[in-house]
PDB file of N, CA and C in Angstrom:
ATOM      1  N   ALA A   1       3.846   9.566  -8.228  1.00  0.00           N
ATOM      2  CA  ALA A   1       4.998   9.506  -7.509  1.00  0.00           C
ATOM      3  C   ALA A   1       6.232  10.150  -8.394  1.00  0.00           C
ATOM      4  N   LEU A   2       6.077   9.949  -9.557  1.00  0.00           N
ATOM      5  CA  LEU A   2       7.345  10.555 -10.465  1.00  0.00           C
ATOM      6  C   LEU A   2       7.114  12.063 -10.611  1.00  0.00           C
ATOM      7  N   ARG A   3       6.183  12.538 -10.330  1.00  0.00           N
ATOM      8  CA  ARG A   3       6.140  14.001 -10.447  1.00  0.00           C
ATOM      9  C   ARG A   3       6.838  14.552  -9.019  1.00  0.00           C
ATOM     10  N   ILE A   4       6.515  13.634  -7.965  1.00  0.00           N
ATOM     11  CA  ILE A   4       6.862  14.002  -6.398  1.00  0.00           C
ATOM     12  C   ILE A   4       8.278  14.187  -6.493  1.00  0.00           C
ATOM     13  N   LEU A   5       8.985  12.843  -6.903  1.00  0.00           N
ATOM     14  CA  LEU A   5      10.303  13.049  -7.235  1.00  0.00           C
ATOM     15  C   LEU A   5      11.046  14.030  -8.099  1.00  0.00           C
ATOM     16  N   GLU A   6      10.288  14.648  -8.610  1.00  0.00           N
ATOM     17  CA  GLU A   6      10.746  15.734  -9.582  1.00  0.00           C
ATOM     18  C   GLU A   6      10.720  16.883  -8.531  1.00  0.00           C
ATOM     19  N   ASP A   7       9.682  17.404  -7.600  1.00  0.00           N
ATOM     20  CA  ASP A   7       9.755  18.302  -7.016  1.00  0.00           C
ATOM     21  C   ASP A   7      10.181  18.254  -5.694  1.00  0.00           C
ATOM     22  N   GLU A   8      10.359  17.074  -5.099  1.00  0.00           N
ATOM     23  CA  GLU A   8      10.746  17.067  -3.689  1.00  0.00           C
ATOM     24  C   GLU A   8      12.086  16.261  -3.678  1.00  0.00           C
ATOM     25  N   SER A   9      12.803  16.577  -2.133  1.00  0.00           N
ATOM     26  CA  SER A   9      13.874  15.785  -2.000  1.00  0.00           C
ATOM     27  C   SER A   9      13.242  14.536  -1.287  1.00  0.00           C
ATOM     28  N   VAL A  10      13.891  13.289  -1.647  1.00  0.00           N
ATOM     29  CA  VAL A  10      13.333  12.164  -0.830  1.00  0.00           C
ATOM     30  C   VAL A  10      14.779  11.043  -0.351  1.00  0.00           C
ATOM     31  N   GLU A  11      14.606  10.559   0.472  1.00  0.00           N
ATOM     32  CA  GLU A  11      15.455   9.927   1.145  1.00  0.00           C
ATOM     33  C   GLU A  11      15.630   8.336   0.234  1.00  0.00           C
ATOM     34  N   GLY A  12      14.392   7.978   0.013  1.00  0.00           N
ATOM     35  CA  GLY A  12      14.209   6.561  -0.750  1.00  0.00           C
ATOM     36  C   GLY A  12      12.708   6.007  -0.780  1.00  0.00           C
ATOM     37  N   GLY A  13      12.412   4.968  -1.080  1.00  0.00           N
ATOM     38  CA  GLY A  13      10.690   4.768  -1.475  1.00  0.00           C
ATOM     39  C   GLY A  13      10.668   3.342  -1.123  1.00  0.00           C
ATOM     40  N   LEU A  14       9.137   3.382  -0.623  1.00  0.00           N
ATOM     41  CA  LEU A  14       8.424   2.115  -0.516  1.00  0.00           C
ATOM     42  C   LEU A  14       7.203   2.003  -1.273  1.00  0.00           C
ATOM     43  N   LEU A  15       7.684   1.044  -2.285  1.00  0.00           N
ATOM     44  CA  LEU A  15       6.826   1.085  -3.401  1.00  0.00           C
ATOM     45  C   LEU A  15       6.087  -0.515  -3.659  1.00  0.00           C
ATOM     46  N   ASP A  16       4.749  -0.308  -3.909  1.00  0.00           N
ATOM     47  CA  ASP A  16       3.984  -1.558  -3.865  1.00  0.00           C
ATOM     48  C   ASP A  16       4.450  -1.686  -5.361  1.00  0.00           C
ATOM     49  N   ILE A  17       4.589  -3.054  -5.584  1.00  0.00           N
ATOM     50  CA  ILE A  17       5.026  -3.468  -7.082  1.00  0.00           C
ATOM     51  C   ILE A  17       3.834  -3.336  -7.885  1.00  0.00           C
ATOM     52  N   SER A  18       2.419  -3.183  -7.611  1.00  0.00           N
ATOM     53  CA  SER A  18       1.484  -3.374  -8.796  1.00  0.00           C
ATOM     54  C   SER A  18       0.520  -2.631  -8.086  1.00  0.00           C
ATOM     55  N   LEU A  19       0.069  -1.557  -8.717  1.00  0.00           N
ATOM     56  CA  LEU A  19      -1.122  -0.851  -7.841  1.00  0.00           C
ATOM     57  C   LEU A  19      -2.169  -0.524  -9.058  1.00  0.00           C
ATOM     58  N   GLY A  20      -3.216  -1.735  -9.097  1.00  0.00           N
ATOM     59  CA  GLY A  20      -4.164  -1.217  -9.966  1.00  0.00           C
ATOM     60  C   GLY A  20      -3.774  -1.995 -11.360  1.00  0.00           C
ATOM     61  N   GLY A  21      -2.854  -3.096 -11.108  1.00  0.00           N
ATOM     62  CA  GLY A  21      -2.326  -3.546 -12.456  1.00  0.00           C
ATOM     63  C   GLY A  21      -1.096  -2.911 -13.134  1.00  0.00           C
ATOM     64  N   THR A  22      -0.662  -1.713 -12.378  1.00  0.00           N
ATOM     65  CA  THR A  22       0.321  -0.799 -12.925  1.00  0.00           C
ATOM     66  C   THR A  22       1.539  -0.946 -12.048  1.00  0.00           C
ATOM     67  N   LEU A  23       2.550  -1.420 -12.784  1.00  0.00           N
ATOM     68  CA  LEU A  23       3.784  -1.676 -12.083  1.00  0.00           C
ATOM     69  C   LEU A  23       4.454  -0.303 -11.649  1.00  0.00           C
ATOM     70  N   SER A  24       4.910  -0.450 -10.683  1.00  0.00           N
ATOM     71  CA  SER A  24       5.906   0.680 -10.080  1.00  0.00           C
ATOM     72  C   SER A  24       7.186   0.844 -10.448  1.00  0.00           C
ATOM     73  N   THR A  25       7.602   0.057 -11.256  1.00  0.00           N
ATOM     74  CA  THR A  25       9.002   0.039 -11.727  1.00  0.00           C
ATOM     75  C   THR A  25       9.627   1.419 -12.462  1.00  0.00           C
ATOM     76  N   PRO A  26       8.744   2.320 -12.838  1.00  0.00           N
ATOM     77  CA  PRO A  26       9.146   3.454 -13.435  1.00  0.00           C
ATOM     78  C   PRO A  26       9.775   4.296 -12.404  1.00  0.00           C
ATOM     79  N   VAL A  27       8.903   4.205 -11.215  1.00  0.00           N
ATOM     80  CA  VAL A  27       9.553   4.891  -9.805  1.00  0.00           C
ATOM     81  C   VAL A  27      10.539   4.514  -9.355  1.00  0.00           C
ATOM     82  N   ALA A  28      10.695   3.042  -9.443  1.00  0.00           N
ATOM     83  CA  ALA A  28      12.004   2.368  -8.963  1.00  0.00           C
ATOM     84  C   ALA A  28      13.155   2.573 -10.019  1.00  0.00           C
ATOM     85  N   ALA A  29      12.857   2.900 -11.243  1.00  0.00           N
ATOM     86  CA  ALA A  29      13.833   3.239 -12.051  1.00  0.00           C
ATOM     87  C   ALA A  29      14.441   4.495 -11.590  1.00  0.00           C
ATOM     88  N   ARG A  30      13.894   5.593 -11.520  1.00  0.00           N
ATOM     89  CA  ARG A  30      13.777   7.043 -11.040  1.00  0.00           C
ATOM     90  C   ARG A  30      14.885   7.134 -10.161  1.00  0.00           C
ATOM     91  N   LEU A  31      14.089   6.360  -8.872  1.00  0.00           N
ATOM     92  CA  LEU A  31      14.977   6.377  -7.756  1.00  0.00           C
ATOM     93  C   LEU A  31      16.391   5.634  -7.908  1.00  0.00           C
ATOM     94  N   GLN A  32      16.491   4.924  -8.685  1.00  0.00           N
ATOM     95  CA  GLN A  32      17.785   4.636  -9.259  1.00  0.00           C
ATOM     96  C   GLN A  32      18.802   5.209  -9.668  1.00  0.00           C
ATOM     97  N   GLU A  33      18.125   6.123 -10.739  1.00  0.00           N
ATOM     98  CA  GLU A  33      18.877   7.224 -11.523  1.00  0.00           C
ATOM     99  C   GLU A  33      19.347   8.158 -10.366  1.00  0.00           C
ATOM    100  N   MET A  34      18.419   8.300  -9.253  1.00  0.00           N
ATOM    101  CA  MET A  34      18.798   9.759  -8.003  1.00  0.00           C
ATOM    102  C   MET A  34      19.530   8.842  -7.122  1.00  0.00           C
ATOM    103  N   ASP A  35      20.150   7.467  -7.348  1.00  0.00           N
ATOM    104  CA  ASP A  35      20.802   7.070  -6.399  1.00  0.00           C
ATOM    105  C   ASP A  35      20.392   6.879  -4.849  1.00  0.00           C
ATOM    106  N   ARG A  36      18.926   6.598  -5.055  1.00  0.00           N
ATOM    107  CA  ARG A  36      18.181   6.377  -3.759  1.00  0.00           C
ATOM    108  C   ARG A  36      17.706   4.990  -3.944  1.00  0.00           C
ATOM    109  N   PRO A  37      17.727   4.903  -2.339  1.00  0.00           N
ATOM    110  CA  PRO A  37      17.366   3.090  -2.171  1.00  0.00           C
ATOM    111  C   PRO A  37      15.828   2.978  -2.226  1.00  0.00           C
ATOM    112  N   PHE A  38      15.189   1.771  -2.411  1.00  0.00           N
ATOM    113  CA  PHE A  38      14.071   1.609  -2.353  1.00  0.00           C
ATOM    114  C   PHE A  38      13.502  -0.028  -1.842  1.00  0.00           C
ATOM    115  N   VAL A  39      12.279  -0.080  -1.472  1.00  0.00           N
ATOM    116  CA  VAL A  39      11.583  -1.466  -0.913  1.00  0.00           C
ATOM    117  C   VAL A  39      10.619  -1.615  -1.888  1.00  0.00           C
ATOM    118  N   PHE A  40      10.375  -2.790  -2.428  1.00  0.00           N
ATOM    119  CA  PHE A  40       9.231  -3.275  -2.748  1.00  0.00           C
ATOM    120  C   PHE A  40       8.506  -3.920  -1.817  1.00  0.00           C
ATOM    121  N   LEU A  41       7.071  -3.731  -1.987  1.00  0.00           N
ATOM    122  CA  LEU A  41       5.916  -4.368  -1.189  1.00  0.00           C
ATOM    123  C   LEU A  41       5.045  -5.116  -2.045  1.00  0.00           C
ATOM    124  N   THR A  42       4.511  -6.326  -1.702  1.00  0.00           N
ATOM    125  CA  THR A  42       3.760  -6.995  -2.476  1.00  0.00           C
ATOM    126  C   THR A  42       3.108  -8.258  -1.995  1.00  0.00           C
ATOM    127  N   ALA A  43       1.606  -8.223  -2.625  1.00  0.00           N
ATOM    128  CA  ALA A  43       0.952  -9.355  -1.896  1.00  0.00           C
ATOM    129  C   ALA A  43       0.913 -10.669  -2.976  1.00  0.00           C
ATOM    130  N   MET A  44       1.848 -10.293  -4.106  1.00  0.00           N
ATOM    131  CA  MET A  44       1.626 -11.592  -4.954  1.00  0.00           C
ATOM    132  C   MET A  44       2.795 -12.523  -4.645  1.00  0.00           C
ATOM    133  N   ALA A  45       2.315 -13.747  -4.863  1.00  0.00           N
ATOM    134  CA  ALA A  45       2.891 -14.867  -4.792  1.00  0.00           C
ATOM    135  C   ALA A  45       4.036 -15.269  -5.683  1.00  0.00           C
ATOM    136  N   ASP A  46       3.736 -15.030  -7.031  1.00  0.00           N
ATOM    137  CA  ASP A  46       4.671 -15.140  -7.943  1.00  0.00           C
ATOM    138  C   ASP A  46       5.180 -13.878  -8.443  1.00  0.00           C
ATOM    139  N   LEU A  47       6.317 -13.560  -8.538  1.00  0.00           N
ATOM    140  CA  LEU A  47       6.810 -12.460  -8.545  1.00  0.00           C
ATOM    141  C   LEU A  47       7.538 -12.251 -10.304  1.00  0.00           C
ATOM    142  N   ALA A  48       7.031 -13.128 -11.108  1.00  0.00           N
ATOM    143  CA  ALA A  48       7.361 -13.245 -12.446  1.00  0.00           C
ATOM    144  C   ALA A  48       6.867 -11.981 -13.161  1.00  0.00           C
ATOM    145  N   ILE A  49       5.861 -11.322 -12.397  1.00  0.00           N
ATOM    146  CA  ILE A  49       5.644 -10.070 -13.244  1.00  0.00           C
ATOM    147  C   ILE A  49       6.709  -8.790 -13.241  1.00  0.00           C
ATOM    148  N   LEU A  50       7.263  -9.038 -12.247  1.00  0.00           N
ATOM    149  CA  LEU A  50       8.575  -8.231 -12.048  1.00  0.00           C
ATOM    150  C   LEU A  50       9.675  -8.426 -12.985  1.00  0.00           C
ATOM    151  N   PRO A  51      10.042  -7.394 -13.827  1.00  0.00           N
ATOM    152  CA  PRO A  51      11.258  -7.402 -14.795  1.00  0.00           C
ATOM    153  C   PRO A  51      12.367  -7.848 -13.936  1.00  0.00           C
ATOM    154  N   GLU A  52      13.213  -8.578 -14.796  1.00  0.00           N
ATOM    155  CA  GLU A  52      14.279  -9.428 -14.625  1.00  0.00           C
ATOM    156  C   GLU A  52      15.260  -8.390 -13.614  1.00  0.00           C
ATOM    157  N   GLU A  53      15.669  -7.162 -13.972  1.00  0.00           N
ATOM    158  CA  GLU A  53      16.165  -6.342 -13.274  1.00  0.00           C
ATOM    159  C   GLU A  53      16.135  -5.780 -12.082  1.00  0.00           C
ATOM    160  N   TYR A  54      14.876  -6.192 -11.749  1.00  0.00           N
ATOM    161  CA  TYR A  54      14.275  -5.974 -10.060  1.00  0.00           C
ATOM    162  C   TYR A  54      14.318  -6.700  -9.448  1.00  0.00           C
ATOM    163  N   ARG A  55      14.586  -8.328 -10.083  1.00  0.00           N
ATOM    164  CA  ARG A  55      14.302  -9.486  -9.039  1.00  0.00           C
ATOM    165  C   ARG A  55      15.333  -9.431  -8.098  1.00  0.00           C
ATOM    166  N   GLY A  56      16.542  -8.701  -7.998  1.00  0.00           N
ATOM    167  CA  GLY A  56      17.284  -8.589  -6.859  1.00  0.00           C
ATOM    168  C   GLY A  56      16.907  -7.728  -5.755  1.00  0.00           C
ATOM    169  N   ALA A  57      15.887  -6.765  -5.959  1.00  0.00           N
ATOM    170  CA  ALA A  57      15.606  -5.673  -4.730  1.00  0.00           C
ATOM    171  C   ALA A  57      15.045  -6.476  -3.835  1.00  0.00           C
ATOM    172  N   VAL A  58      15.262  -5.448  -2.712  1.00  0.00           N
ATOM    173  CA  VAL A  58      14.608  -5.855  -1.649  1.00  0.00           C
ATOM    174  C   VAL A  58      13.199  -6.022  -1.463  1.00  0.00           C
ATOM    175  N   ILE A  59      12.370  -7.191  -1.209  1.00  0.00           N
ATOM    176  CA  ILE A  59      11.102  -7.192  -1.376  1.00  0.00           C
ATOM    177  C   ILE A  59      10.232  -7.849   0.032  1.00  0.00           C
ATOM    178  N   ILE A  60       9.488  -7.094   0.592  1.00  0.00           N
ATOM    179  CA  ILE A  60       8.623  -7.659   1.597  1.00  0.00           C
ATOM    180  C   ILE A  60       7.337  -8.214   1.267  1.00  0.00           C
ATOM    181  N   GLN A  61       6.706  -9.325   1.641  1.00  0.00           N
ATOM    182  CA  GLN A  61       5.331  -9.893   1.265  1.00  0.00           C
ATOM    183  C   GLN A  61       4.528  -9.018   2.212  1.00  0.00           C
ATOM    184  N   LYS A  62       3.387  -9.067   1.805  1.00  0.00           N
ATOM    185  CA  LYS A  62       1.989  -8.393   2.465  1.00  0.00           C
ATOM    186  C   LYS A  62       1.430  -9.635   2.974  1.00  0.00           C
ATOM    187  N   PRO A  63       0.942  -9.332   3.979  1.00  0.00           N
ATOM    188  CA  PRO A  63       0.599  -8.419   4.982  1.00  0.00           C
ATOM    189  C   PRO A  63       2.302  -8.147   5.781  1.00  0.00           C
ATOM    190  N   VAL A  64       2.395  -6.798   5.664  1.00  0.00           N
ATOM    191  CA  VAL A  64       3.831  -6.415   6.316  1.00  0.00           C
ATOM    192  C   VAL A  64       3.676  -6.847   8.012  1.00  0.00           C
ATOM    193  N   VAL A  65       4.791  -7.394   8.318  1.00  0.00           N
ATOM    194  CA  VAL A  65       5.239  -7.474   9.542  1.00  0.00           C
ATOM    195  C   VAL A  65       6.325  -6.430  10.115  1.00  0.00           C
ATOM    196  N   GLU A  66       6.060  -5.746  11.233  1.00  0.00           N
ATOM    197  CA  GLU A  66       6.861  -4.821  11.523  1.00  0.00           C
ATOM    198  C   GLU A  66       8.485  -5.268  11.615  1.00  0.00           C
ATOM    199  N   ALA A  67       8.671  -6.064  12.114  1.00  0.00           N
ATOM    200  CA  ALA A  67       9.996  -6.665  12.182  1.00  0.00           C
ATOM    201  C   ALA A  67      10.609  -6.940  10.695  1.00  0.00           C
ATOM    202  N   ASP A  68      10.019  -7.423   9.923  1.00  0.00           N
ATOM    203  CA  ASP A  68      10.329  -7.514   8.215  1.00  0.00           C
ATOM    204  C   ASP A  68      10.403  -6.186   7.874  1.00  0.00           C
ATOM    205  N   LEU A  69       9.614  -5.288   8.009  1.00  0.00           N
ATOM    206  CA  LEU A  69       9.910  -3.782   7.491  1.00  0.00           C
ATOM    207  C   LEU A  69      11.183  -3.099   7.872  1.00  0.00           C
ATOM    208  N   HIS A  70      11.317  -3.336   9.124  1.00  0.00           N
ATOM    209  CA  HIS A  70      12.523  -2.856   9.957  1.00  0.00           C
ATOM    210  C   HIS A  70      13.920  -3.430   9.181  1.00  0.00           C
ATOM    211  N   ARG A  71      13.843  -4.720   9.094  1.00  0.00           N
ATOM    212  CA  ARG A  71      14.806  -5.869   8.508  1.00  0.00           C
ATOM    213  C   ARG A  71      15.010  -5.343   6.811  1.00  0.00           C
ATOM    214  N   ALA A  72      13.746  -5.012   6.162  1.00  0.00           N
ATOM    215  CA  ALA A  72      13.936  -4.516   4.719  1.00  0.00           C
ATOM    216  C   ALA A  72      14.603  -3.189   4.437  1.00  0.00           C
ATOM    217  N   LEU A  73      14.163  -2.046   5.576  1.00  0.00           N
ATOM    218  CA  LEU A  73      14.849  -0.955   5.060  1.00  0.00           C
ATOM    219  C   LEU A  73      15.986  -0.819   5.619  1.00  0.00           C
ATOM    220  N   LYS A  74      16.608  -1.555   6.503  1.00  0.00           N
ATOM    221  CA  LYS A  74      18.249  -1.555   6.804  1.00  0.00           C
ATOM    222  C   LYS A  74      18.554  -2.160   5.601  1.00  0.00           C
ATOM    223  N   GLU A  75      18.470  -3.304   5.131  1.00  0.00           N
ATOM    224  CA  GLU A  75      18.833  -3.819   4.022  1.00  0.00           C
ATOM    225  C   GLU A  75      19.154  -3.064   2.716  1.00  0.00           C
ATOM    226  N   ALA A  76      17.991  -2.186   2.565  1.00  0.00           N
ATOM    227  CA  ALA A  76      18.072  -1.186   1.269  1.00  0.00           C
ATOM    228  C   ALA A  76      18.902  -0.020   1.816  1.00  0.00           C
ATOM    229  N   GLY A  77      19.001   0.139   2.872  1.00  0.00           N
ATOM    230  CA  GLY A  77      20.279   1.457   3.339  1.00  0.00           C
ATOM    231  C   GLY A  77      19.097   2.670   3.639  1.00  0.00           C
ATOM    232  N   LEU A  78      17.908   2.206   4.017  1.00  0.00           N
ATOM    233  CA  LEU A  78      16.863   3.309   4.405  1.00  0.00           C
ATOM    234  C   LEU A  78      16.971   3.562   5.889  1.00  0.00           C
TER     235      LEU A  78
END
């Protein structure tokens, strides 16, 4: 994802918080540096794993309901 952000123009991101135990926060940080919005997706009930600086981010719980996705994307500015 970080390589894509370097090579492609993106409007924003839809990021799973944890993929295989690896957090997507480096991708979120890069999107912030680029002044691009993002939304986190997660199936985790406990978001304590998320660093403090991202606890105010727009987050959608999985499984995703279409109406929630539309609301979150709008809230994030996507």
